[in-house]
Protein backbone atom coordinates (compact mmCIF):
# COMPACT_ATOMS: atom_id res chain seq x y z
CA UNK A 1 -17.31 -25.53 -22.72
CA UNK A 2 -18.60 -23.64 -20.28
CA UNK A 3 -17.65 -20.17 -19.07
CA UNK A 4 -16.57 -21.51 -15.84
CA UNK A 5 -13.99 -23.43 -17.67
CA UNK A 6 -13.48 -21.76 -20.21
CA UNK A 7 -12.17 -18.51 -18.68
CA UNK A 8 -8.95 -20.05 -16.68
CA UNK A 9 -7.50 -22.30 -19.71
CA UNK A 10 -8.00 -18.84 -21.63
CA UNK A 11 -6.60 -16.79 -19.49
CA UNK A 12 -3.87 -18.99 -18.52
CA UNK A 13 -2.34 -19.30 -22.33
CA UNK A 14 -2.40 -16.21 -22.13
CA UNK A 15 -0.70 -15.71 -18.78
CA UNK A 16 1.89 -18.06 -20.07
CA UNK A 17 2.66 -15.87 -22.91
CA UNK A 18 2.41 -12.25 -21.35
CA UNK A 19 2.83 -12.67 -17.41
CA UNK A 20 4.49 -9.18 -16.20
CA UNK A 21 7.90 -9.35 -15.15
CA UNK A 22 7.72 -8.55 -11.35
CA UNK A 23 10.56 -8.63 -9.39
CA UNK A 24 9.14 -10.38 -6.92
CA UNK A 25 7.25 -13.40 -9.11
CA UNK A 26 8.37 -15.91 -10.52
CA UNK A 27 7.86 -16.32 -14.01
CA UNK A 28 5.03 -19.14 -15.17
CA UNK A 29 6.90 -22.69 -15.13
CA UNK A 30 10.05 -21.17 -13.34
CA UNK A 31 8.97 -23.32 -9.42
CA UNK A 32 7.81 -22.39 -6.45
CA UNK A 33 7.70 -18.92 -5.52
CA UNK A 34 8.75 -17.71 -2.12
CA UNK A 35 6.64 -17.00 0.54
CA UNK A 36 8.39 -13.98 2.16
CA UNK A 37 8.72 -12.42 -0.81
CA UNK A 38 5.13 -12.95 -1.87
CA UNK A 39 3.95 -11.41 1.55
CA UNK A 40 6.10 -8.59 0.99
CA UNK A 41 5.00 -7.20 -2.37
CA UNK A 42 1.56 -7.68 -1.44
CA UNK A 43 1.23 -5.94 1.59
CA UNK A 44 3.31 -3.63 -0.38
CA UNK A 45 1.13 -3.54 -3.12
CA UNK A 46 -2.02 -2.34 -0.76
CA UNK A 47 -2.51 1.13 -1.34
CA UNK A 48 0.21 1.98 -3.58
CA UNK A 49 1.61 0.95 -7.56
CA UNK A 50 3.69 -1.78 -9.01
CA UNK A 51 5.91 1.27 -10.15
CA UNK A 52 6.26 2.94 -7.31
CA UNK A 53 6.53 -0.54 -4.95
CA UNK A 54 8.86 -1.93 -7.11
CA UNK A 55 12.32 0.08 -5.76
CA UNK A 56 11.28 -0.57 -2.01
CA UNK A 57 10.40 -4.54 -2.63
CA UNK A 58 13.78 -4.55 -4.14
CA UNK A 59 15.93 -2.26 -1.50
CA UNK A 60 14.30 -3.96 1.45
CA UNK A 61 15.53 -7.70 -0.23
CA UNK A 62 18.42 -6.61 -0.22
CA UNK A 63 18.91 -5.10 3.04
CA UNK A 64 16.01 -7.69 4.58
CA UNK A 65 16.54 -11.09 2.25
CA UNK A 66 14.72 -13.07 4.49
CA UNK A 67 11.61 -13.31 7.22
CA UNK A 68 14.36 -13.36 9.48
CA UNK A 69 16.50 -11.17 9.06
CA UNK A 70 13.15 -8.43 8.91
CA UNK A 71 11.60 -10.07 12.25
CA UNK A 72 15.41 -9.04 13.99
CA UNK A 73 15.41 -5.54 12.65
CA UNK A 74 14.60 -2.72 14.68
CA UNK A 75 11.16 -1.84 14.47
CA UNK A 76 12.45 2.55 13.19
CA UNK A 77 14.61 1.27 10.82
CA UNK A 78 11.65 -0.82 9.18
CA UNK A 79 9.47 2.08 9.59
CA UNK A 80 12.44 4.28 7.87
CA UNK A 81 12.95 2.29 5.27
CA UNK A 82 9.74 2.00 4.03
CA UNK A 83 8.67 5.96 4.84
CA UNK A 84 7.33 7.03 0.99
CA UNK A 85 4.86 3.88 1.17
CA UNK A 86 2.44 5.23 3.31
CA UNK A 87 -0.37 3.56 5.14
CA UNK A 88 2.75 2.58 8.09
CA UNK A 89 0.16 1.04 10.10
CA UNK A 90 2.05 -1.90 7.40
CA UNK A 91 5.23 -1.22 8.40
CA UNK A 92 4.15 -1.97 11.95
CA UNK A 93 2.16 -5.07 11.03
CA UNK A 94 5.40 -6.12 8.67
CA UNK A 95 8.07 -5.88 11.66
CA UNK A 96 5.08 -7.97 14.15
CA UNK A 97 4.13 -10.82 11.57
CA UNK A 98 8.07 -11.36 10.37
CA UNK A 99 8.52 -12.03 13.97
CA UNK A 100 5.16 -14.34 14.68
CA UNK A 101 6.75 -15.94 11.27
CA UNK A 102 9.51 -16.54 12.78
CA UNK A 103 9.03 -17.82 15.76
CA UNK A 104 6.89 -20.59 14.23
CA UNK A 105 9.69 -20.70 12.32
CA UNK A 106 8.19 -20.24 8.38
CA UNK A 107 4.76 -19.32 6.62
CA UNK A 108 1.81 -21.44 7.22
CA UNK A 109 0.26 -22.71 4.31
CA UNK A 110 -3.54 -22.40 4.26
CA UNK A 111 -5.27 -19.49 4.29
CA UNK A 112 -6.91 -20.49 7.70
CA UNK A 113 -3.73 -20.01 9.44
CA UNK A 114 -2.59 -17.51 7.59
CA UNK A 115 -5.21 -15.37 8.97
CA UNK A 116 -3.76 -15.36 12.25
CA UNK A 117 -0.44 -13.52 11.80
CA UNK A 118 -0.49 -10.35 12.71
CA UNK A 119 -1.63 -7.36 9.58
CA UNK A 120 -2.45 -10.35 7.35
CA UNK A 121 -6.61 -10.14 5.96
CA UNK A 122 -8.25 -12.24 3.41
CA UNK A 123 -6.76 -10.98 0.68
CA UNK A 124 -3.07 -11.31 1.68
CA UNK A 125 -3.94 -14.76 3.13
CA UNK A 126 -5.81 -15.70 -0.39
CA UNK A 127 -2.81 -14.27 -2.16
CA UNK A 128 0.20 -15.96 -0.44
CA UNK A 129 -1.81 -18.93 0.06
CA UNK A 130 -2.35 -19.30 -3.58
CA UNK A 131 0.76 -17.88 -5.41
CA UNK A 132 3.16 -19.30 -2.81
CA UNK A 133 1.23 -22.57 -1.97
CA UNK A 134 -0.23 -23.09 -4.95
CA UNK A 135 -3.88 -23.84 -2.63
CA UNK A 136 -7.03 -22.95 -3.83
CA UNK A 137 -7.61 -19.47 -2.89
CA UNK A 138 -10.05 -16.75 -4.31
CA UNK A 139 -7.54 -13.58 -4.52
CA UNK A 140 -9.86 -10.32 -5.22
CA UNK A 141 -7.33 -7.51 -5.80
CA UNK A 142 -8.71 -3.75 -7.34
CA UNK A 143 -7.78 -5.64 -10.99
CA UNK A 144 -9.75 -8.43 -10.79
CA UNK A 145 -12.69 -7.35 -8.45
CA UNK A 146 -12.98 -4.46 -11.99
CA UNK A 147 -11.87 -7.90 -14.21
CA UNK A 148 -14.81 -10.06 -12.38
CA UNK A 149 -17.70 -7.55 -12.39
CA UNK A 150 -17.30 -6.70 -16.37
CA UNK A 151 -16.56 -10.77 -17.39
CA UNK A 152 -20.06 -11.08 -15.88
CA UNK A 153 -21.74 -7.68 -15.83
CA UNK A 154 -21.83 -7.44 -12.65
CA UNK A 155 -24.36 -3.77 -11.87
CA UNK A 156 -24.82 -4.06 -8.21
CA UNK A 157 -23.21 -0.71 -7.01
CA UNK A 158 -19.95 -1.28 -4.55
CA UNK A 159 -19.66 -1.99 -2.27
CA UNK A 160 -22.88 -4.19 -2.38
CA UNK A 161 -21.66 -6.14 -4.86
CA UNK A 162 -18.59 -7.33 -3.50
CA UNK A 163 -20.71 -10.45 -2.76
CA UNK A 164 -21.70 -11.26 -5.91
CA UNK A 165 -18.15 -10.00 -7.57
CA UNK A 166 -16.59 -13.04 -5.30
CA UNK A 167 -19.37 -15.22 -5.83
CA UNK A 168 -18.42 -15.09 -9.62
CA UNK A 169 -14.93 -15.21 -9.03
CA UNK A 170 -14.64 -18.33 -6.55
CA UNK A 171 -16.48 -20.02 -9.74
CA UNK A 172 -13.09 -19.56 -12.32
CA UNK A 173 -10.98 -19.68 -9.60
CA UNK A 174 -8.82 -23.50 -10.40
CA UNK A 175 -8.48 -25.79 -8.39
CA UNK A 176 -4.96 -25.94 -10.63
CA UNK A 177 -2.50 -23.39 -11.07
CA UNK A 178 -4.77 -21.63 -8.57
CA UNK A 179 -1.63 -18.72 -7.92
CA UNK A 180 -0.63 -18.33 -12.13
CA UNK A 181 -4.44 -17.40 -12.54
CA UNK A 182 -4.79 -15.03 -9.45
CA UNK A 183 -1.81 -13.35 -11.01
CA UNK A 184 -3.54 -13.60 -14.39
CA UNK A 185 -6.11 -12.01 -13.69
CA UNK A 186 -4.51 -8.99 -11.98
CA UNK A 187 -1.96 -8.52 -14.93
CA UNK A 188 -5.63 -8.45 -17.28
CA UNK A 189 -6.78 -5.84 -15.29
CA UNK A 190 -3.14 -3.73 -14.95
CA UNK A 191 -2.60 -4.37 -18.38
CA UNK A 192 -6.00 -4.96 -21.11
CA UNK A 193 -9.08 -4.63 -18.76
CA UNK A 194 -7.73 -0.82 -17.63
CA UNK A 195 -10.35 0.73 -15.55
CA UNK A 196 -10.50 3.12 -18.74
CA UNK A 197 -10.43 2.32 -22.05
CA UNK A 198 -10.59 -1.01 -21.90
CA UNK A 199 -8.67 -2.69 -24.60
CA UNK A 200 -11.07 -5.76 -25.76
CA UNK A 201 -9.53 -6.53 -28.53
CA UNK A 202 -6.42 -7.76 -27.07
CA UNK A 203 -8.76 -9.55 -24.35
CA UNK A 204 -8.19 -13.70 -23.88
CA UNK A 205 -11.73 -14.16 -22.79
CA UNK A 206 -13.33 -10.90 -24.48
CA UNK A 207 -15.49 -13.65 -26.08
CA UNK A 208 -17.28 -14.95 -22.89
CA UNK A 209 -17.65 -11.19 -21.35
CA UNK A 210 -20.96 -10.36 -20.62
CA UNK A 211 -20.24 -6.55 -19.91
CA UNK A 212 -18.37 -6.00 -23.44
CA UNK A 213 -21.75 -8.53 -24.89
CA UNK A 214 -23.61 -4.66 -23.10
CA UNK A 215 -21.35 -2.61 -25.54
CA UNK A 216 -20.73 -0.29 -22.02
CA UNK A 217 -17.67 -3.05 -20.39
CA UNK A 218 -16.24 0.78 -18.90
CA UNK A 219 -18.72 1.26 -16.69
CA UNK A 220 -18.88 -2.33 -14.74
CA UNK A 221 -18.29 -2.37 -11.70
CA UNK A 222 -20.90 0.24 -10.63
CA UNK A 223 -19.29 2.33 -8.02
CA UNK A 224 -21.86 4.51 -5.38
CA UNK A 225 -21.25 8.35 -5.45
CA UNK A 226 -17.67 9.25 -4.26
CA UNK A 227 -18.16 11.13 -0.45
CA UNK A 228 -16.72 14.94 -0.30
CA UNK A 229 -13.78 14.49 2.47
CA UNK A 230 -13.32 17.14 4.84
CA UNK A 231 -10.68 19.31 4.41
CA UNK A 232 -8.12 19.56 7.90
CA UNK A 233 -5.60 22.57 8.97
CA UNK A 234 -2.09 22.28 10.73
CA UNK A 235 1.03 23.19 10.81
CA UNK A 236 4.39 21.43 10.54
CA UNK A 237 7.41 24.04 12.77
CA UNK A 238 10.68 23.80 11.40
CA UNK A 239 13.15 24.23 14.16
CA UNK A 240 16.85 24.09 12.79
CA UNK A 241 20.07 25.08 15.32
CA UNK A 242 23.28 24.02 14.50
CA UNK A 243 23.53 22.37 11.59
CA UNK A 244 20.31 20.26 12.78
CA UNK A 245 16.54 19.52 12.74
CA UNK A 246 14.42 18.85 15.87
CA UNK A 247 12.59 15.79 15.01
CA UNK A 248 9.94 14.21 17.26
CA UNK A 249 8.64 10.15 16.66
CA UNK A 250 5.00 10.41 16.77
CA UNK A 251 2.68 8.00 19.04
CA UNK A 252 2.84 4.73 18.19
CA UNK A 253 -1.17 3.82 17.55
CA UNK A 254 -2.63 6.76 15.47
CA UNK A 255 -1.85 8.41 11.75
CA UNK A 256 1.91 8.17 11.00
CA UNK A 257 2.59 6.48 14.51
CA UNK A 258 5.77 5.49 15.26
CA UNK A 259 7.83 7.91 12.59
CA UNK A 260 10.00 9.96 12.83
CA UNK A 261 7.93 13.94 11.93
CA UNK A 262 8.71 17.56 12.45
CA UNK A 263 6.43 19.15 15.13
CA UNK A 264 2.96 20.29 14.84
CA UNK A 265 -0.03 21.63 16.59
CA UNK A 266 -1.35 18.09 17.31
CA UNK A 267 -4.09 18.56 13.94
CA UNK A 268 -6.14 15.42 13.17
CA UNK A 269 -8.19 13.27 10.75
CA UNK A 270 -11.43 15.11 12.80
CA UNK A 271 -9.99 18.86 13.93
CA UNK A 272 -7.66 21.34 12.58
CA UNK A 273 -4.34 21.40 14.74
CA UNK A 274 -4.23 24.38 17.26
CA UNK A 275 -1.84 26.31 15.98
CA UNK A 276 0.17 26.46 19.10
CA UNK A 277 3.99 26.49 18.19
CA UNK A 278 6.49 24.56 20.24
CA UNK A 279 8.28 27.39 21.13
CA UNK A 280 8.16 31.13 21.97
CA UNK A 281 9.74 33.47 19.76
CA UNK A 282 9.27 34.52 16.10
CA UNK A 283 7.87 32.54 13.54
CA UNK A 284 8.43 32.66 9.82
CA UNK A 285 5.84 31.21 6.84
CA UNK A 286 7.87 28.59 5.51
CA UNK A 287 5.06 27.53 2.92
CA UNK A 288 2.19 25.14 2.40
CA UNK A 289 2.12 21.66 1.38
CA UNK A 290 -1.63 20.03 0.15
CA UNK A 291 -1.59 16.38 0.47
CA UNK A 292 -4.33 13.80 0.69
CA UNK A 293 -4.86 10.76 3.38
CA UNK A 294 -7.72 8.28 2.77
CA UNK A 295 -10.24 9.28 4.04
CA UNK A 296 -9.46 13.95 4.65
CA UNK A 297 -7.23 16.90 3.40
CA UNK A 298 -4.48 17.98 5.14
CA UNK A 299 -3.21 21.83 4.43
CA UNK A 300 -0.26 21.77 6.01
CA UNK A 301 1.41 25.17 6.90
CA UNK A 302 5.00 25.03 7.60
CA UNK A 303 6.19 27.95 9.58
CA UNK A 304 10.09 28.15 10.44
CA UNK A 305 11.86 29.24 13.54
CA UNK A 306 13.89 32.42 14.03
CA UNK A 307 14.08 32.54 17.91
CA UNK A 308 17.03 30.78 19.63
CA UNK A 309 15.20 29.64 22.96
CA UNK A 310 15.82 26.64 22.31
CA UNK A 311 16.65 25.14 25.10
CA UNK A 312 12.96 24.88 26.50
CA UNK A 313 12.43 22.39 23.37
CA UNK A 314 9.75 19.83 25.80
CA UNK A 315 8.59 16.27 25.16
CA UNK A 316 10.91 13.76 23.66
CA UNK A 317 12.78 14.78 20.26
CA UNK A 318 15.89 14.87 18.90
CA UNK A 319 18.30 16.87 16.85
CA UNK A 320 19.05 15.45 13.39
CA UNK A 321 21.34 16.23 10.95
CA UNK A 322 20.20 17.85 8.35
CA UNK A 323 22.95 17.65 5.70
CA UNK A 324 21.75 13.63 6.55
CA UNK A 325 17.80 14.42 6.77
CA UNK A 326 16.70 11.92 3.83
CA UNK A 327 17.87 9.19 6.10
CA UNK A 328 15.17 10.49 8.91
CA UNK A 329 12.83 7.83 7.36
CA UNK A 330 10.03 10.99 7.05
CA UNK A 331 6.47 10.60 6.22
CA UNK A 332 5.70 12.19 2.46
CA UNK A 333 4.00 14.61 4.37
CA UNK A 334 6.99 15.47 6.34
CA UNK A 335 9.16 15.30 4.33
CA UNK A 336 7.56 17.89 1.78
CA UNK A 337 7.21 20.45 4.57
CA UNK A 338 11.25 19.61 4.87
CA UNK A 339 12.08 20.30 1.54
CA UNK A 340 10.11 23.97 1.59
CA UNK A 341 11.76 24.35 4.83
CA UNK A 342 15.25 24.13 3.42
CA UNK A 343 14.64 26.69 0.39
CA UNK A 344 12.19 28.98 2.35
């Protein structure tokens, strides 16, 4: 039996016995998956661990059990519920996509049609097509990428090696049970073929693994040297009055777009903040938050207002009750800053 046939057969047999129980997943043999749940989970899992995404998924499904319910939700409510998952452009795309799906009467079934929906890239379209609709689609996330690179000992460094990895994944993706196969590959990468110290003795396809045959499976996939990320400095301003704090809405486009936040001094991925405060008068230091974004690190000082010239606040904002600050849906960065201010 060739490797291209042996791998999916052995892997599916293993998956039938060992599939992870996840709130968005239909177990093997359990029937068709709900495309809404598949899509929602895949969007949440981008750049997010399964353990972190699971409670958010459960909360979303409880609040918006169908794509039509999500489509009817105010965008600001969805953004607030998303707070803590990061990469907030995903939440804006979530709203846009749900409305497009509701308008057309449901999710399309093919990769090509799914790619036309707002925010659906190649990976998510393939995952929904395979898992929800049983289409043969090549689904490659970080776990699958690692598994395939090891199975075929693909030594070309990433990102150049992605083409070879995809071609190899194409060869072993079966026509039947493509969705289960994709999830089996994900599970294998998450539980056995892990980034460090892969547990090859437990792997159902160890006999077919060329990476294991080299004696150094963990060196695959080969990654290019990491670039040093730039560091930025900025300030967030805590302005408190009569039991409330002044919050602003960030511009729709740009980092943390559309989210409620504390006022800041205009820091960006490309430049430090100006240090200019939104109000004249005295300020006291409330501590420093350190936060890592995809392309840069940020050191955000927290300044607490000690004056009384609240009437001079300019721009759009709102006074938010401090006792309900958790309901404001602040992004993680500003939630950290708020916690510092409250103890400072």
